């Protein structure tokens, strides 16, 4: 009788350990799969700032080309971060803020008119600055939602 109870206890412990191990492995696999998905998205996303210039004494326009293999929705573009300023003093600029500094964008060359930033298409970003842009060197960096970024120096 003792042997039967001992065997049942060992079988129960083994089953519990196997179930626990399986659930942890399943969680590990889910994290691994999610990490691979994020890295794959980064690998397929690539951008290039092709030009930047002032369009008025308080406004800068920046053109960015999608040189990756992934289309990017307007919603994801709006979640990007933009850093701008003189080469010695930059700041994070808010998207679509009611007060400057602020940035907004439009699809400058939407080749297929689908409203999505597809590979080989360009967006135009307009930065509204909170002061007069003086003669000098400026810096802009655009960081996508997934960390892919490009930066550009230009002079006014």
Protein backbone atom coordinates (compact mmCIF):
# COMPACT_ATOMS: atom_id res chain seq x y z
CA UNK A 1 0.00 0.00 0.00
CA UNK A 2 2.87 2.39 0.82
CA UNK A 3 4.47 1.69 -2.53
CA UNK A 4 1.22 2.50 -4.37
CA UNK A 5 0.86 5.77 -2.47
CA UNK A 6 4.50 6.64 -3.10
CA UNK A 7 4.14 5.85 -6.81
CA UNK A 8 0.97 7.97 -7.02
CA UNK A 9 2.73 10.86 -5.24
CA UNK A 10 5.74 10.66 -7.56
CA UNK A 11 3.46 10.50 -10.62
CA UNK A 12 1.54 13.55 -9.37
CA UNK A 13 4.75 15.50 -8.76
CA UNK A 14 6.12 14.55 -12.19
CA UNK A 15 2.85 15.60 -13.87
CA UNK A 16 2.87 18.90 -11.98
CA UNK A 17 6.49 19.59 -12.94
CA UNK A 18 5.84 18.68 -16.58
CA UNK A 19 2.80 20.99 -16.72
CA UNK A 20 4.77 23.79 -15.09
CA UNK A 21 7.70 23.28 -17.45
CA UNK A 22 5.37 23.24 -20.47
CA UNK A 23 3.61 26.47 -19.47
CA UNK A 24 6.96 28.24 -18.96
CA UNK A 25 8.26 26.96 -22.28
CA UNK A 26 5.06 28.15 -23.95
CA UNK A 27 5.54 31.62 -22.43
CA UNK A 28 9.18 31.63 -23.48
CA UNK A 29 8.19 30.67 -27.03
CA UNK A 30 5.57 33.47 -27.15
CA UNK A 31 8.19 36.05 -26.06
CA UNK A 32 10.68 34.64 -28.57
CA UNK A 33 8.12 34.77 -31.38
CA UNK A 34 7.17 38.36 -30.50
CA UNK A 35 10.84 39.40 -30.39
CA UNK A 36 11.46 37.84 -33.80
CA UNK A 37 8.44 39.74 -35.17
CA UNK A 38 9.74 43.06 -33.84
CA UNK A 39 13.21 42.43 -35.24
CA UNK A 40 11.75 41.40 -38.60
CA UNK A 41 9.74 44.63 -38.74
CA UNK A 42 12.88 46.65 -38.00
CA UNK A 43 14.79 44.79 -40.71
CA UNK A 44 12.10 45.58 -43.27
CA UNK A 45 11.78 49.25 -42.25
CA UNK A 46 14.28 51.77 -43.57
CA UNK A 47 14.01 55.52 -44.14
CA UNK A 48 16.24 58.22 -45.59
CA UNK A 49 15.99 61.97 -45.05
CA UNK A 50 16.69 63.26 -48.54
CA UNK A 51 16.47 67.03 -48.00
CA UNK A 52 15.55 69.73 -45.48
CA UNK A 53 15.21 73.49 -45.81
CA UNK A 54 13.36 76.43 -44.33
CA UNK A 55 10.18 77.41 -46.15
CA UNK A 56 9.61 80.56 -44.07
CA UNK A 57 11.27 82.27 -41.13
CA UNK A 58 9.49 79.89 -38.69
CA UNK A 59 8.92 76.77 -40.80
CA UNK A 60 11.16 73.93 -41.96
CA UNK A 61 10.25 71.26 -44.49
CA UNK A 62 11.86 67.82 -44.43
CA UNK A 63 11.44 65.15 -47.10
CA UNK A 64 11.86 61.51 -46.05
CA UNK A 65 11.85 58.55 -48.42
CA UNK A 66 10.72 55.06 -47.45
CA UNK A 67 13.64 52.95 -48.69
CA UNK A 68 12.56 49.83 -46.82
CA UNK A 69 10.38 46.91 -47.87
CA UNK A 70 7.47 47.66 -45.52
CA UNK A 71 4.53 50.01 -46.00
CA UNK A 72 3.91 52.38 -43.08
CA UNK A 73 0.45 53.61 -42.12
CA UNK A 74 -0.32 57.24 -41.31
CA UNK A 75 -1.10 56.19 -37.75
CA UNK A 76 2.42 54.76 -37.31
CA UNK A 77 3.99 57.86 -38.87
CA UNK A 78 2.17 60.01 -36.31
CA UNK A 79 3.69 57.87 -33.54
CA UNK A 80 7.21 58.71 -34.70
CA UNK A 81 9.49 61.06 -32.77
CA UNK A 82 11.13 64.11 -34.30
CA UNK A 83 14.13 65.94 -32.88
CA UNK A 84 14.98 69.35 -34.30
CA UNK A 85 17.01 72.43 -33.49
CA UNK A 86 20.26 74.22 -34.00
CA UNK A 87 23.22 71.88 -34.13
CA UNK A 88 24.08 72.94 -30.57
CA UNK A 89 20.57 72.80 -29.03
CA UNK A 90 17.93 70.29 -30.15
CA UNK A 91 14.61 69.30 -28.66
CA UNK A 92 11.91 66.70 -29.08
CA UNK A 93 9.09 68.22 -31.13
CA UNK A 94 5.45 67.31 -30.45
CA UNK A 95 3.33 65.89 -33.26
CA UNK A 96 0.36 68.02 -34.33
CA UNK A 97 0.50 70.28 -31.30
CA UNK A 98 -1.70 73.37 -31.24
CA UNK A 99 1.27 75.51 -30.21
CA UNK A 100 4.80 75.58 -31.66
CA UNK A 101 7.10 73.84 -31.81
CA UNK A 102 5.13 71.19 -33.65
CA UNK A 103 5.37 68.91 -36.67
CA UNK A 104 2.93 67.43 -39.12
CA UNK A 105 3.24 65.49 -42.35
CA UNK A 106 1.64 64.67 -45.66
CA UNK A 107 2.35 62.02 -48.26
CA UNK A 108 4.25 64.08 -50.81
CA UNK A 109 4.49 61.35 -53.45
CA UNK A 110 1.80 58.72 -52.88
CA UNK A 111 2.36 56.86 -56.15
CA UNK A 112 -0.66 54.57 -55.83
CA UNK A 113 -2.94 57.03 -53.95
CA UNK A 114 -3.67 54.52 -51.18
CA UNK A 115 -2.88 56.90 -48.29
CA UNK A 116 -0.07 54.63 -47.03
CA UNK A 117 3.67 55.42 -47.04
CA UNK A 118 4.79 52.61 -49.33
CA UNK A 119 8.37 51.70 -50.27
CA UNK A 120 9.89 54.29 -52.66
CA UNK A 121 7.35 56.96 -51.63
CA UNK A 122 8.19 60.22 -49.86
CA UNK A 123 6.58 62.11 -47.00
CA UNK A 124 6.93 65.83 -46.41
CA UNK A 125 7.24 66.92 -42.80
CA UNK A 126 6.54 70.50 -41.84
CA UNK A 127 8.08 71.72 -38.60
CA UNK A 128 6.62 74.89 -37.14
CA UNK A 129 9.24 76.46 -34.91
CA UNK A 130 8.49 78.66 -31.89
CA UNK A 131 10.97 81.37 -32.87
CA UNK A 132 12.51 82.93 -35.96
CA UNK A 133 14.96 80.59 -37.65
CA UNK A 134 18.29 82.38 -37.79
CA UNK A 135 21.19 81.78 -40.15
CA UNK A 136 23.14 78.76 -39.01
CA UNK A 137 23.38 74.99 -38.90
CA UNK A 138 20.39 72.83 -37.99
CA UNK A 139 19.79 69.18 -37.17
CA UNK A 140 16.76 66.96 -37.65
CA UNK A 141 16.29 63.33 -36.62
CA UNK A 142 13.22 61.24 -37.42
CA UNK A 143 12.68 58.12 -35.31
CA UNK A 144 10.03 55.63 -36.39
CA UNK A 145 7.75 53.83 -33.92
CA UNK A 146 10.08 50.81 -33.97
CA UNK A 147 13.34 52.73 -33.42
CA UNK A 148 14.48 52.88 -37.05
CA UNK A 149 15.79 56.41 -37.66
CA UNK A 150 17.75 58.77 -39.87
CA UNK A 151 19.23 62.18 -39.23
CA UNK A 152 20.25 65.15 -41.36
CA UNK A 153 22.28 68.34 -40.94
CA UNK A 154 21.52 71.42 -43.03
CA UNK A 155 22.16 75.14 -43.07
CA UNK A 156 19.92 78.15 -43.43
